[in-house]
């Protein structure tokens, strides 16, 4: 078998790929793999990727060619790529687009077409599909109702044949505006190349085929700007769905700052106020609110009672199940998902693909860092021993209690103190999962605290004081994972997290990735209790950072303090 020792990849017959990190070709190989393979694990020397049907369908939808994928494997592989791999890649990649959804010229419904008669015969008898079909028009064409568009797409992807949806979109009520050349404070505003490319790819230059999909960009890279550029291209009433009230207000600030839209044309639909305007910003919480589980969702009417031309799903990787369900019914409306990572811990990435759309654009974090669009960041995991008096309690408790004991390790407070003093003068965020823990940190070090119980006016006040430099430290609970617009924050100390959530790791790192005026390096610290369930979860969380090319340093607390003395 041919052998090329300089190449860093070993492609295996089970569709797993091993990547050597110490190879000079590591970075080029990692960038080549990213569009069509998923990172599975990333210890120090060998990273493992896996090629999946969904990763190939996303690559196909994003325009990566089959030849490009197969060629990149051969270019970086130590050995010949197993014959079955190229065959399976062609098989799965080729499934995208075999089935198409188009509008019936006679307006009776939607058409499901497939050139392969045997495949069509198999599809029409599949449970979950056959009951959705109104009639078979010929050997390769089925007719189904307009309202079943999303449900049919869900059913097809579950049996391994994602539909290419070409049925087009309604225009919605017109609402034209433009991006400004100058922000409200007088500073010039220019959309960046990758932001413009994202919007162009989403809209497909005005084609009726364009108008659904997901844009993946790092936190701090300006996903809101991409959303606004897409809105301007569509030129119609838009519904923006956000994670919380803080995010909703941030969208409103950006729209007023960088577009010609007037304040009177922007409505907020939240727990505080419910306005429907040409541009309406709502929260997932209010959309999915109901008094009892047996009740219908009273705010779902916002989707159907208004002629939206575009719906934007901010942080689409967090989309609640009820919003998935209503989205299945509104497939004729253009849909844009924005996120820093498509990872969903519930494994519902296929739902995002079928109901919101495929990944249309994904910019590597390190590429944007090298261009100066996001800050350079060092990521350090500091491992701390569990105190002796807690070891027996940890050993004898059930799993959930173990997790909390490790997360709230009291020795973390001493390390927080050291880090606060080490970064005296920096703008520091301390982020934690457990309320008791963040309250204790806030009280011990006299730092303002924001939790889910903090009122919106108080949150906005504290965020503004942090932005202005009046306060330099802020403790936040998990509400700080999203939509915290603190561009000068340059140190994040993560004292606890949501189990092994890679998406949370991405969001928390994103809090400190806005470009810094002096091009300084941002620091992301994760405090982890050694030899506990928290350490197991940390290994999963670091996957995301490693996948994006960050050098993830693991060190011992004693060694860290010794290497980083105060004064």
Protein backbone atom coordinates (compact mmCIF):
# COMPACT_ATOMS: atom_id res chain seq x y z
CA UNK A 1 0.00 0.00 0.00
CA UNK A 2 1.43 3.46 -0.90
CA UNK A 3 2.60 5.45 2.09
CA UNK A 4 3.18 9.20 2.39
CA UNK A 5 4.69 9.94 5.79
CA UNK A 6 4.31 13.71 5.37
CA UNK A 7 0.53 13.56 5.16
CA UNK A 8 -1.50 13.87 8.39
CA UNK A 9 -4.69 11.89 7.57
CA UNK A 10 -5.57 8.24 8.00
CA UNK A 11 -8.92 7.57 6.34
CA UNK A 12 -10.56 4.40 7.66
CA UNK A 13 -13.20 2.18 6.13
CA UNK A 14 -15.80 3.02 8.82
CA UNK A 15 -15.84 6.67 7.59
CA UNK A 16 -13.73 7.83 10.52
CA UNK A 17 -10.66 9.96 9.84
CA UNK A 18 -7.61 10.36 12.07
CA UNK A 19 -5.75 13.67 11.87
CA UNK A 20 -2.25 14.10 13.34
CA UNK A 21 -1.96 17.49 15.01
CA UNK A 22 1.85 17.77 14.89
CA UNK A 23 2.00 17.61 11.09
CA UNK A 24 3.00 20.75 9.15
CA UNK A 25 -0.08 20.05 7.01
CA UNK A 26 -2.43 19.84 10.00
CA UNK A 27 -4.10 23.21 9.55
CA UNK A 28 -4.60 22.79 5.79
CA UNK A 29 -6.03 19.30 6.29
CA UNK A 30 -8.33 20.49 9.10
CA UNK A 31 -9.68 23.29 6.90
CA UNK A 32 -10.24 20.84 4.05
CA UNK A 33 -12.17 18.44 6.31
CA UNK A 34 -14.35 21.06 8.01
CA UNK A 35 -16.97 21.46 5.23
CA UNK A 36 -17.86 17.75 5.02
CA UNK A 37 -16.73 15.95 8.21
CA UNK A 38 -17.61 16.29 11.89
CA UNK A 39 -15.07 16.40 14.70
CA UNK A 40 -15.72 13.54 17.14
CA UNK A 41 -12.88 13.86 19.67
CA UNK A 42 -9.68 15.84 20.01
CA UNK A 43 -7.05 14.71 22.50
CA UNK A 44 -3.54 16.12 22.19
CA UNK A 45 -2.02 14.30 19.23
CA UNK A 46 -4.72 12.63 17.13
CA UNK A 47 -8.11 14.17 16.28
CA UNK A 48 -10.92 11.96 15.06
CA UNK A 49 -13.43 13.08 12.44
CA UNK A 50 -16.38 11.24 10.98
CA UNK A 51 -18.08 11.60 7.62
CA UNK A 52 -21.88 11.43 8.06
CA UNK A 53 -24.78 11.71 5.62
CA UNK A 54 -25.78 15.07 7.15
CA UNK A 55 -22.26 16.47 6.89
CA UNK A 56 -22.19 15.51 3.21
CA UNK A 57 -25.65 16.97 2.54
CA UNK A 58 -24.60 20.26 4.12
CA UNK A 59 -21.49 20.25 1.94
CA UNK A 60 -23.57 19.58 -1.17
CA UNK A 61 -26.07 22.33 -0.30
CA UNK A 62 -23.21 24.77 0.30
CA UNK A 63 -21.82 24.10 -3.17
CA UNK A 64 -18.79 21.94 -2.29
CA UNK A 65 -18.33 19.54 -5.18
CA UNK A 66 -18.05 15.78 -4.91
CA UNK A 67 -14.68 15.88 -6.68
CA UNK A 68 -13.42 18.48 -4.20
CA UNK A 69 -14.31 16.25 -1.24
CA UNK A 70 -12.75 13.09 -2.62
CA UNK A 71 -9.68 14.95 -3.90
CA UNK A 72 -9.00 16.52 -0.50
CA UNK A 73 -9.02 13.12 1.21
CA UNK A 74 -6.51 11.76 -1.30
CA UNK A 75 -4.34 14.86 -1.06
CA UNK A 76 -3.82 14.61 2.71
CA UNK A 77 -4.04 10.85 3.36
CA UNK A 78 -1.00 8.79 4.38
CA UNK A 79 -2.44 5.71 2.70
CA UNK A 80 -4.76 5.09 -0.20
CA UNK A 81 -8.31 6.03 0.73
CA UNK A 82 -10.30 2.78 1.17
CA UNK A 83 -12.36 2.04 -1.92
CA UNK A 84 -15.63 1.87 0.00
CA UNK A 85 -15.18 5.45 1.30
CA UNK A 86 -15.28 7.07 -2.12
CA UNK A 87 -18.25 4.86 -2.99
CA UNK A 88 -20.17 5.80 0.18
CA UNK A 89 -19.39 9.50 -0.22
CA UNK A 90 -20.78 9.40 -3.75
CA UNK A 91 -23.82 7.47 -2.52
CA UNK A 92 -24.77 9.84 0.31
CA UNK A 93 -23.70 13.04 -1.41
CA UNK A 94 -25.71 12.05 -4.47
CA UNK A 95 -28.91 11.65 -2.48
CA UNK A 96 -29.17 15.40 -2.00
CA UNK A 97 -31.21 16.71 -4.91
CA UNK A 98 -32.51 13.36 -6.16
CA UNK A 99 -35.88 14.36 -4.75
CA UNK A 100 -37.22 17.80 -5.53
CA UNK A 101 -40.18 19.77 -4.24
CA UNK A 102 -41.75 22.22 -6.70
CA UNK A 103 -45.02 24.10 -6.99
CA UNK A 104 -47.79 22.53 -9.06
CA UNK A 105 -48.46 24.77 -12.09
CA UNK A 106 -52.19 24.20 -11.56
CA UNK A 107 -51.91 25.38 -7.91
CA UNK A 108 -53.37 22.14 -6.54
CA UNK A 109 -50.52 21.73 -4.09
CA UNK A 110 -46.83 20.86 -4.23
CA UNK A 111 -45.08 18.29 -6.38
CA UNK A 112 -42.62 15.70 -5.13
CA UNK A 113 -40.55 14.53 -8.08
CA UNK A 114 -37.88 11.89 -8.48
CA UNK A 115 -36.37 10.67 -11.75
CA UNK A 116 -35.86 7.17 -10.37
CA UNK A 117 -39.07 5.14 -10.64
CA UNK A 118 -37.90 2.45 -8.16
CA UNK A 119 -36.98 5.12 -5.60
CA UNK A 120 -40.34 6.83 -6.09
CA UNK A 121 -42.14 3.51 -5.62
CA UNK A 122 -40.23 3.02 -2.36
CA UNK A 123 -40.90 6.57 -1.13
CA UNK A 124 -44.64 6.59 -1.68
CA UNK A 125 -45.04 3.51 0.52
CA UNK A 126 -42.88 4.75 3.38
CA UNK A 127 -44.71 5.26 6.69
CA UNK A 128 -44.75 8.97 7.40
CA UNK A 129 -44.94 9.82 3.69
CA UNK A 130 -47.73 7.77 2.14
CA UNK A 131 -50.38 9.31 4.41
CA UNK A 132 -49.28 12.82 3.33
CA UNK A 133 -49.76 12.24 -0.39
CA UNK A 134 -52.95 13.38 -2.13
CA UNK A 135 -52.34 11.48 -5.36
CA UNK A 136 -49.72 10.10 -7.71
CA UNK A 137 -49.73 12.10 -10.95
CA UNK A 138 -47.34 9.80 -12.82
CA UNK A 139 -44.57 7.31 -12.11
CA UNK A 140 -42.15 9.97 -10.90
CA UNK A 141 -44.45 12.66 -9.45
CA UNK A 142 -46.56 12.85 -6.30
CA UNK A 143 -48.93 15.64 -5.25
CA UNK A 144 -49.21 16.74 -1.62
CA UNK A 145 -50.84 19.71 0.20
CA UNK A 146 -49.07 23.06 0.60
CA UNK A 147 -49.31 22.85 4.39
CA UNK A 148 -47.45 19.52 4.47
CA UNK A 149 -44.28 20.95 2.94
CA UNK A 150 -42.25 20.89 6.15
CA UNK A 151 -43.62 17.57 7.38
CA UNK A 152 -42.76 15.89 4.07
CA UNK A 153 -39.21 17.27 4.25
CA UNK A 154 -38.84 15.95 7.80
CA UNK A 155 -40.07 12.52 6.75
CA UNK A 156 -37.73 12.38 3.76
CA UNK A 157 -34.60 13.26 5.70
CA UNK A 158 -35.44 10.60 8.30
CA UNK A 159 -35.33 7.92 5.60
CA UNK A 160 -32.09 9.31 4.19
CA UNK A 161 -33.25 11.30 1.17
CA UNK A 162 -33.22 15.06 1.83
CA UNK A 163 -35.41 17.02 -0.54
CA UNK A 164 -34.15 19.96 -2.54
CA UNK A 165 -36.93 22.48 -1.98
CA UNK A 166 -37.51 24.54 -5.14
CA UNK A 167 -41.11 25.51 -4.45
CA UNK A 168 -40.24 29.15 -3.90
CA UNK A 169 -41.43 31.61 -1.30
CA UNK A 170 -44.15 34.17 -0.78
CA UNK A 171 -42.97 37.76 -1.04
CA UNK A 172 -44.73 39.03 2.10
CA UNK A 173 -45.84 42.60 2.61
CA UNK A 174 -43.20 44.92 1.14
CA UNK A 175 -40.99 46.96 3.44
CA UNK A 176 -37.93 48.50 1.82
CA UNK A 177 -34.95 49.95 3.66
CA UNK A 178 -31.22 50.24 3.15
CA UNK A 179 -28.06 49.73 5.15
CA UNK A 180 -26.46 53.01 6.18
CA UNK A 181 -23.04 54.17 5.09
CA UNK A 182 -22.66 55.91 8.43
CA UNK A 183 -23.69 54.76 11.89
CA UNK A 184 -25.77 57.08 14.06
CA UNK A 185 -22.64 58.25 15.93
CA UNK A 186 -21.11 59.43 12.64
CA UNK A 187 -18.57 56.62 12.22
CA UNK A 188 -18.39 54.97 8.78
CA UNK A 189 -20.16 51.63 8.45
CA UNK A 190 -19.19 49.16 5.74
CA UNK A 191 -20.42 45.60 5.47
CA UNK A 192 -17.51 43.15 5.50
CA UNK A 193 -16.83 40.84 2.56
CA UNK A 194 -17.77 37.64 4.38
CA UNK A 195 -20.98 39.25 5.65
CA UNK A 196 -21.92 40.31 2.12
CA UNK A 197 -21.02 36.84 0.78
CA UNK A 198 -23.23 35.24 3.44
CA UNK A 199 -26.22 37.37 2.47
CA UNK A 200 -25.66 36.82 -1.26
CA UNK A 201 -25.43 33.05 -0.84
CA UNK A 202 -28.54 32.97 1.34
CA UNK A 203 -30.62 34.94 -1.12
CA UNK A 204 -29.11 33.30 -4.22
CA UNK A 205 -29.04 36.62 -6.06
CA UNK A 206 -32.80 37.04 -5.95
CA UNK A 207 -33.72 33.59 -7.26
CA UNK A 208 -36.98 32.10 -5.99
CA UNK A 209 -34.83 29.10 -5.05
CA UNK A 210 -32.89 31.25 -2.58
CA UNK A 211 -34.26 32.13 0.78
CA UNK A 212 -33.73 29.40 3.35
CA UNK A 213 -30.66 28.22 5.17
CA UNK A 214 -28.26 28.70 8.04
CA UNK A 215 -25.28 31.06 8.27
CA UNK A 216 -22.58 29.93 10.73
CA UNK A 217 -20.27 32.68 11.99
CA UNK A 218 -18.32 33.17 15.23
CA UNK A 219 -19.73 35.25 18.04
CA UNK A 220 -18.48 38.77 17.53
CA UNK A 221 -18.24 38.39 13.74
CA UNK A 222 -21.46 40.31 13.11
CA UNK A 223 -24.23 37.78 12.49
CA UNK A 224 -26.72 40.58 13.16
CA UNK A 225 -25.23 42.52 10.23
CA UNK A 226 -25.72 39.46 8.01
CA UNK A 227 -29.34 39.30 9.14
CA UNK A 228 -29.87 42.96 8.31
CA UNK A 229 -28.26 42.53 4.88
CA UNK A 230 -30.61 39.61 4.15
CA UNK A 231 -33.58 41.68 5.32
CA UNK A 232 -32.62 44.49 2.97
CA UNK A 233 -32.36 42.05 0.05
CA UNK A 234 -35.78 40.54 0.78
CA UNK A 235 -37.37 43.99 1.24
CA UNK A 236 -40.40 42.75 3.17
CA UNK A 237 -41.89 42.54 6.65
CA UNK A 238 -39.58 40.53 8.87
CA UNK A 239 -40.05 38.57 12.09
CA UNK A 240 -36.87 38.17 14.17
CA UNK A 241 -36.87 35.48 16.87
CA UNK A 242 -34.29 35.88 19.64
CA UNK A 243 -33.16 34.09 22.79
CA UNK A 244 -34.16 36.77 25.32
CA UNK A 245 -35.18 40.38 25.86
CA UNK A 246 -31.56 41.53 25.97
CA UNK A 247 -31.00 40.05 22.51
CA UNK A 248 -34.20 41.66 21.23
CA UNK A 249 -33.07 45.09 22.42
CA UNK A 250 -29.64 44.53 20.91
CA UNK A 251 -31.22 43.78 17.51
CA UNK A 252 -33.26 46.95 17.78
CA UNK A 253 -30.18 49.04 18.63
CA UNK A 254 -28.29 47.63 15.65
CA UNK A 255 -31.19 48.19 13.26
CA UNK A 256 -31.56 51.80 14.35
CA UNK A 257 -27.80 52.36 14.27
CA UNK A 258 -26.96 50.87 10.87
CA UNK A 259 -30.10 51.05 8.69
CA UNK A 260 -32.62 53.59 7.47
CA UNK A 261 -35.39 51.94 9.54
CA UNK A 262 -37.25 54.27 11.90
CA UNK A 263 -37.97 53.39 15.52
CA UNK A 264 -41.71 53.59 14.78
CA UNK A 265 -41.32 50.68 12.30
CA UNK A 266 -39.77 48.30 14.86
CA UNK A 267 -42.02 46.38 17.22
CA UNK A 268 -41.07 44.32 20.27
CA UNK A 269 -43.08 41.19 21.04
CA UNK A 270 -41.86 40.02 24.43
CA UNK A 271 -43.11 39.48 27.94
CA UNK A 272 -42.85 43.25 28.46
CA UNK A 273 -44.62 44.60 25.36
CA UNK A 274 -46.44 43.13 22.36
CA UNK A 275 -46.24 45.21 19.19
CA UNK A 276 -46.57 44.07 15.59
CA UNK A 277 -44.68 46.35 13.19
CA UNK A 278 -43.04 45.89 9.77
CA UNK A 279 -39.96 44.71 11.67
CA UNK A 280 -41.02 42.70 14.73
CA UNK A 281 -38.55 41.25 17.24
CA UNK A 282 -39.87 38.45 19.48
CA UNK A 283 -38.36 36.05 21.99
CA UNK A 284 -38.56 32.27 21.90
CA UNK A 285 -39.89 32.39 25.45
CA UNK A 286 -43.01 34.39 24.59
CA UNK A 287 -43.67 32.39 21.42
CA UNK A 288 -43.65 29.12 23.36
CA UNK A 289 -45.46 30.45 26.44
CA UNK A 290 -48.69 28.78 27.60
CA UNK A 291 -50.28 28.51 31.03
CA UNK A 292 -50.85 24.75 30.89
CA UNK A 293 -49.26 21.98 28.84
CA UNK A 294 -52.70 20.99 27.60
CA UNK A 295 -53.30 24.43 26.07
CA UNK A 296 -52.45 25.61 22.59
CA UNK A 297 -49.65 28.13 22.22
CA UNK A 298 -51.52 31.46 22.23
CA UNK A 299 -48.74 33.44 20.56
CA UNK A 300 -48.31 31.12 17.56
CA UNK A 301 -50.77 33.39 15.76
CA UNK A 302 -47.93 35.85 15.21
CA UNK A 303 -46.63 33.56 12.45
CA UNK A 304 -49.84 33.14 10.46
CA UNK A 305 -51.72 36.40 11.05
CA UNK A 306 -49.01 38.50 9.39
CA UNK A 307 -47.61 38.41 5.88
CA UNK A 308 -43.93 38.03 6.70
CA UNK A 309 -41.43 37.99 3.87
CA UNK A 310 -38.63 36.66 6.12
CA UNK A 311 -38.29 34.97 9.50
CA UNK A 312 -34.89 35.14 11.21
CA UNK A 313 -34.05 32.52 13.86
CA UNK A 314 -31.24 33.97 15.97
CA UNK A 315 -29.12 31.32 17.75
CA UNK A 316 -30.93 28.71 15.65
CA UNK A 317 -29.10 25.85 17.38
CA UNK A 318 -31.31 26.59 20.43
CA UNK A 319 -34.60 26.42 18.55
CA UNK A 320 -37.30 25.05 20.91
CA UNK A 321 -39.32 22.02 19.78
CA UNK A 322 -42.62 23.98 19.58
CA UNK A 323 -41.01 26.47 17.18
CA UNK A 324 -39.81 23.55 15.06
CA UNK A 325 -43.43 22.41 14.84
CA UNK A 326 -44.84 25.76 13.76
CA UNK A 327 -41.95 26.20 11.34
CA UNK A 328 -42.99 22.97 9.60
CA UNK A 329 -46.22 24.77 8.67
CA UNK A 330 -44.69 27.99 7.32
CA UNK A 331 -42.28 26.67 4.72
CA UNK A 332 -43.48 29.18 2.12
CA UNK A 333 -41.85 31.98 4.12
CA UNK A 334 -38.14 32.64 3.69
CA UNK A 335 -36.18 31.46 6.74
CA UNK A 336 -32.71 32.44 7.92
CA UNK A 337 -30.93 30.72 10.79
CA UNK A 338 -27.98 32.44 12.48
CA UNK A 339 -25.61 30.64 14.83
CA UNK A 340 -22.01 30.22 15.93
CA UNK A 341 -22.36 26.43 15.88
CA UNK A 342 -24.87 24.00 14.44
CA UNK A 343 -24.17 21.53 17.23
CA UNK A 344 -27.34 20.56 19.11
CA UNK A 345 -26.92 18.46 22.21
CA UNK A 346 -30.32 16.83 21.51
CA UNK A 347 -29.08 15.57 18.12
CA UNK A 348 -31.71 17.48 16.14
CA UNK A 349 -29.35 18.92 13.55
CA UNK A 350 -31.42 17.14 10.90
CA UNK A 351 -34.48 19.11 12.02
CA UNK A 352 -32.60 22.37 11.45
CA UNK A 353 -31.54 21.12 8.00
CA UNK A 354 -35.02 20.10 6.89
CA UNK A 355 -37.12 22.91 8.42
CA UNK A 356 -34.86 25.98 8.49
CA UNK A 357 -32.56 24.97 5.65
CA UNK A 358 -29.08 23.61 5.01
CA UNK A 359 -25.88 25.28 6.10
CA UNK A 360 -25.22 27.91 3.42
CA UNK A 361 -22.09 29.59 4.77
CA UNK A 362 -19.53 28.71 7.42
CA UNK A 363 -16.45 30.86 8.06
CA UNK A 364 -13.63 29.21 10.06
CA UNK A 365 -13.03 31.12 13.27
CA UNK A 366 -9.27 31.16 12.81
CA UNK A 367 -9.58 32.61 9.30
CA UNK A 368 -11.57 35.56 10.64
CA UNK A 369 -9.11 35.92 13.50
CA UNK A 370 -6.17 36.12 11.08
CA UNK A 371 -8.02 38.86 9.16
CA UNK A 372 -8.58 40.83 12.36
CA UNK A 373 -12.39 40.48 12.39
CA UNK A 374 -12.41 38.62 15.73
CA UNK A 375 -9.93 38.73 18.59
CA UNK A 376 -7.10 36.27 19.11
CA UNK A 377 -7.89 34.07 22.10
CA UNK A 378 -5.96 31.74 24.40
CA UNK A 379 -8.03 28.92 25.92
CA UNK A 380 -6.84 27.39 29.19
CA UNK A 381 -8.44 24.65 31.28
CA UNK A 382 -7.22 24.74 34.86
CA UNK A 383 -7.81 21.54 36.84
CA UNK A 384 -8.35 21.74 40.58
CA UNK A 385 -8.41 19.01 43.22
CA UNK A 386 -11.62 18.33 45.12
CA UNK A 387 -11.08 19.11 48.85
CA UNK A 388 -10.51 16.04 51.00
CA UNK A 389 -13.64 16.66 53.09
CA UNK A 390 -15.82 16.43 49.93
CA UNK A 391 -14.25 13.34 48.35
CA UNK A 392 -16.27 10.81 50.31
CA UNK A 393 -19.50 12.73 49.72
CA UNK A 394 -18.69 12.83 46.01
CA UNK A 395 -17.92 9.11 45.85
CA UNK A 396 -21.15 8.04 47.58
CA UNK A 397 -23.63 10.34 45.84
CA UNK A 398 -25.81 9.84 42.78
CA UNK A 399 -24.64 11.24 39.46
CA UNK A 400 -26.47 14.59 39.40
CA UNK A 401 -25.23 15.46 42.88
CA UNK A 402 -21.69 14.51 41.86
CA UNK A 403 -21.87 16.94 38.96
CA UNK A 404 -22.95 19.78 41.19
CA UNK A 405 -20.38 19.03 43.91
CA UNK A 406 -17.59 19.14 41.32
CA UNK A 407 -18.95 22.30 39.67
CA UNK A 408 -19.23 24.16 42.99
CA UNK A 409 -15.81 23.06 44.25
CA UNK A 410 -15.00 25.75 46.87
CA UNK A 411 -11.32 25.75 45.88
CA UNK A 412 -12.36 27.40 42.62
CA UNK A 413 -12.93 30.63 44.55
CA UNK A 414 -9.23 30.91 45.41
CA UNK A 415 -8.35 30.49 41.75
CA UNK A 416 -10.94 33.09 40.74
CA UNK A 417 -9.27 35.47 43.19
CA UNK A 418 -5.88 34.78 41.62
CA UNK A 419 -7.19 35.32 38.08
CA UNK A 420 -8.94 38.55 39.03
CA UNK A 421 -5.70 39.89 40.51
CA UNK A 422 -3.62 38.54 37.60
CA UNK A 423 -5.82 40.44 35.15
CA UNK A 424 -6.16 43.60 37.19
CA UNK A 425 -7.26 46.35 34.83
CA UNK A 426 -8.78 43.99 32.23
CA UNK A 427 -12.50 43.73 31.52
CA UNK A 428 -13.49 40.42 33.07
CA UNK A 429 -16.61 38.25 32.83
CA UNK A 430 -17.10 35.46 35.40
CA UNK A 431 -19.65 32.98 34.06
CA UNK A 432 -21.31 30.15 36.00
CA UNK A 433 -24.18 27.70 35.86
CA UNK A 434 -25.29 27.54 39.50
CA UNK A 435 -26.94 30.50 41.23
CA UNK A 436 -25.48 29.79 44.67
CA UNK A 437 -22.01 29.78 43.17
CA UNK A 438 -22.32 33.02 41.17
CA UNK A 439 -23.96 34.77 44.14
CA UNK A 440 -21.06 33.71 46.38
CA UNK A 441 -18.47 34.94 43.86
CA UNK A 442 -20.27 38.27 43.42
CA UNK A 443 -20.49 38.81 47.18
CA UNK A 444 -16.96 37.70 48.03
CA UNK A 445 -15.30 39.89 45.39
CA UNK A 446 -17.86 42.74 45.38
CA UNK A 447 -18.69 42.32 41.70
CA UNK A 448 -22.08 43.20 40.16
CA UNK A 449 -24.19 40.15 39.28
CA UNK A 450 -26.68 39.43 36.49
CA UNK A 451 -28.96 36.38 36.66
CA UNK A 452 -32.33 35.44 35.23
CA UNK A 453 -33.94 37.30 38.14
CA UNK A 454 -32.23 40.60 37.31
CA UNK A 455 -34.72 43.05 35.81
CA UNK A 456 -34.21 44.16 32.22
CA UNK A 457 -33.52 47.82 33.16
CA UNK A 458 -30.92 46.71 35.73
CA UNK A 459 -29.26 44.38 33.19
CA UNK A 460 -29.09 47.13 30.59
CA UNK A 461 -27.65 49.52 33.18
CA UNK A 462 -24.90 47.08 34.22
CA UNK A 463 -24.06 46.17 30.62
CA UNK A 464 -23.77 49.86 29.73
CA UNK A 465 -21.55 50.54 32.74
CA UNK A 466 -19.32 47.65 31.66
CA UNK A 467 -19.20 48.94 28.06
CA UNK A 468 -18.30 52.44 29.26
CA UNK A 469 -15.58 51.15 31.60
CA UNK A 470 -17.32 52.38 34.75
CA UNK A 471 -17.19 48.78 36.02
CA UNK A 472 -14.53 46.32 34.87
CA UNK A 473 -15.87 43.06 36.28
CA UNK A 474 -19.22 41.35 35.90
CA UNK A 475 -20.54 38.02 37.16
CA UNK A 476 -23.22 36.43 34.99
CA UNK A 477 -25.22 33.24 35.20
CA UNK A 478 -26.09 31.29 32.04
CA UNK A 479 -28.14 34.29 30.86
CA UNK A 480 -24.75 35.66 29.83
CA UNK A 481 -24.30 32.92 27.23
CA UNK A 482 -26.15 34.90 24.58
CA UNK A 483 -26.53 38.38 23.17
CA UNK A 484 -24.24 40.13 25.62
CA UNK A 485 -22.86 43.03 23.61
CA UNK A 486 -19.68 43.79 25.55
CA UNK A 487 -17.12 44.41 22.82
CA UNK A 488 -14.18 45.26 25.09
CA UNK A 489 -14.45 42.22 27.40
CA UNK A 490 -11.13 40.40 27.10
CA UNK A 491 -11.12 37.84 29.92
CA UNK A 492 -13.74 35.16 30.62
CA UNK A 493 -13.57 32.87 33.65
CA UNK A 494 -15.92 29.91 33.35
CA UNK A 495 -16.49 28.43 36.81
CA UNK A 496 -19.20 25.94 35.79
CA UNK A 497 -21.25 24.97 32.76
CA UNK A 498 -24.17 22.99 31.41
CA UNK A 499 -22.75 19.47 31.44
CA UNK A 500 -20.87 18.73 28.18
CA UNK A 501 -22.45 21.43 26.05
CA UNK A 502 -20.22 22.34 23.09
CA UNK A 503 -22.67 25.01 21.98
CA UNK A 504 -22.40 26.74 25.36
CA UNK A 505 -18.60 26.64 25.15
CA UNK A 506 -18.80 28.36 21.76
CA UNK A 507 -21.14 31.06 23.08
CA UNK A 508 -19.08 31.76 26.18
CA UNK A 509 -15.84 32.08 24.24
CA UNK A 510 -17.75 34.39 21.92
CA UNK A 511 -18.33 36.86 24.75
CA UNK A 512 -14.68 37.98 24.46
CA UNK A 513 -14.08 37.68 20.71
CA UNK A 514 -15.03 41.17 19.57
CA UNK A 515 -11.91 42.77 18.00
CA UNK A 516 -9.91 44.79 20.52
CA UNK A 517 -8.73 48.31 19.79
CA UNK A 518 -5.13 47.44 20.69
CA UNK A 519 -5.25 43.93 19.09
CA UNK A 520 -4.65 42.37 22.50
CA UNK A 521 -5.13 38.67 23.13
CA UNK A 522 -8.33 37.57 24.89
CA UNK A 523 -8.15 34.91 27.60
CA UNK A 524 -10.72 32.17 28.20
CA UNK A 525 -10.29 30.18 31.42
CA UNK A 526 -12.30 27.11 32.32
CA UNK A 527 -12.04 25.89 35.93
CA UNK A 528 -12.56 22.13 36.19
CA UNK A 529 -12.46 19.74 39.15
CA UNK A 530 -9.96 16.95 38.48
CA UNK A 531 -11.03 13.27 38.22
CA UNK A 532 -14.76 14.04 38.35
CA UNK A 533 -17.74 14.04 35.99
CA UNK A 534 -16.98 17.71 35.36
CA UNK A 535 -13.65 16.73 33.81
CA UNK A 536 -15.45 14.21 31.57
CA UNK A 537 -17.84 16.93 30.40
CA UNK A 538 -14.96 19.36 29.84
CA UNK A 539 -13.42 16.94 27.34
CA UNK A 540 -16.59 17.14 25.27
CA UNK A 541 -16.88 20.91 25.61
CA UNK A 542 -13.34 21.46 24.36
CA UNK A 543 -14.21 19.64 21.10
CA UNK A 544 -15.70 22.79 19.69
CA UNK A 545 -12.69 24.95 20.53
CA UNK A 546 -10.28 22.42 19.06
CA UNK A 547 -12.39 22.06 15.93
CA UNK A 548 -12.07 25.80 15.38
CA UNK A 549 -8.30 25.58 15.65
CA UNK A 550 -7.74 26.96 19.15
CA UNK A 551 -4.77 25.76 21.15
CA UNK A 552 -6.51 24.36 24.23
CA UNK A 553 -4.04 24.24 27.11
CA UNK A 554 -4.71 21.99 30.11
CA UNK A 555 -2.80 22.73 33.29
CA UNK A 556 -2.87 22.08 37.02
CA UNK A 557 -3.96 24.90 39.35
CA UNK A 558 -0.78 24.71 41.45
CA UNK A 559 1.40 24.81 38.36
CA UNK A 560 -0.64 27.65 36.84
CA UNK A 561 -0.28 29.83 39.95
CA UNK A 562 3.43 29.08 40.09
CA UNK A 563 3.91 30.05 36.43
CA UNK A 564 1.71 33.13 36.76
CA UNK A 565 2.70 34.79 40.04
CA UNK A 566 1.13 38.07 41.09
CA UNK A 567 3.04 41.30 41.04
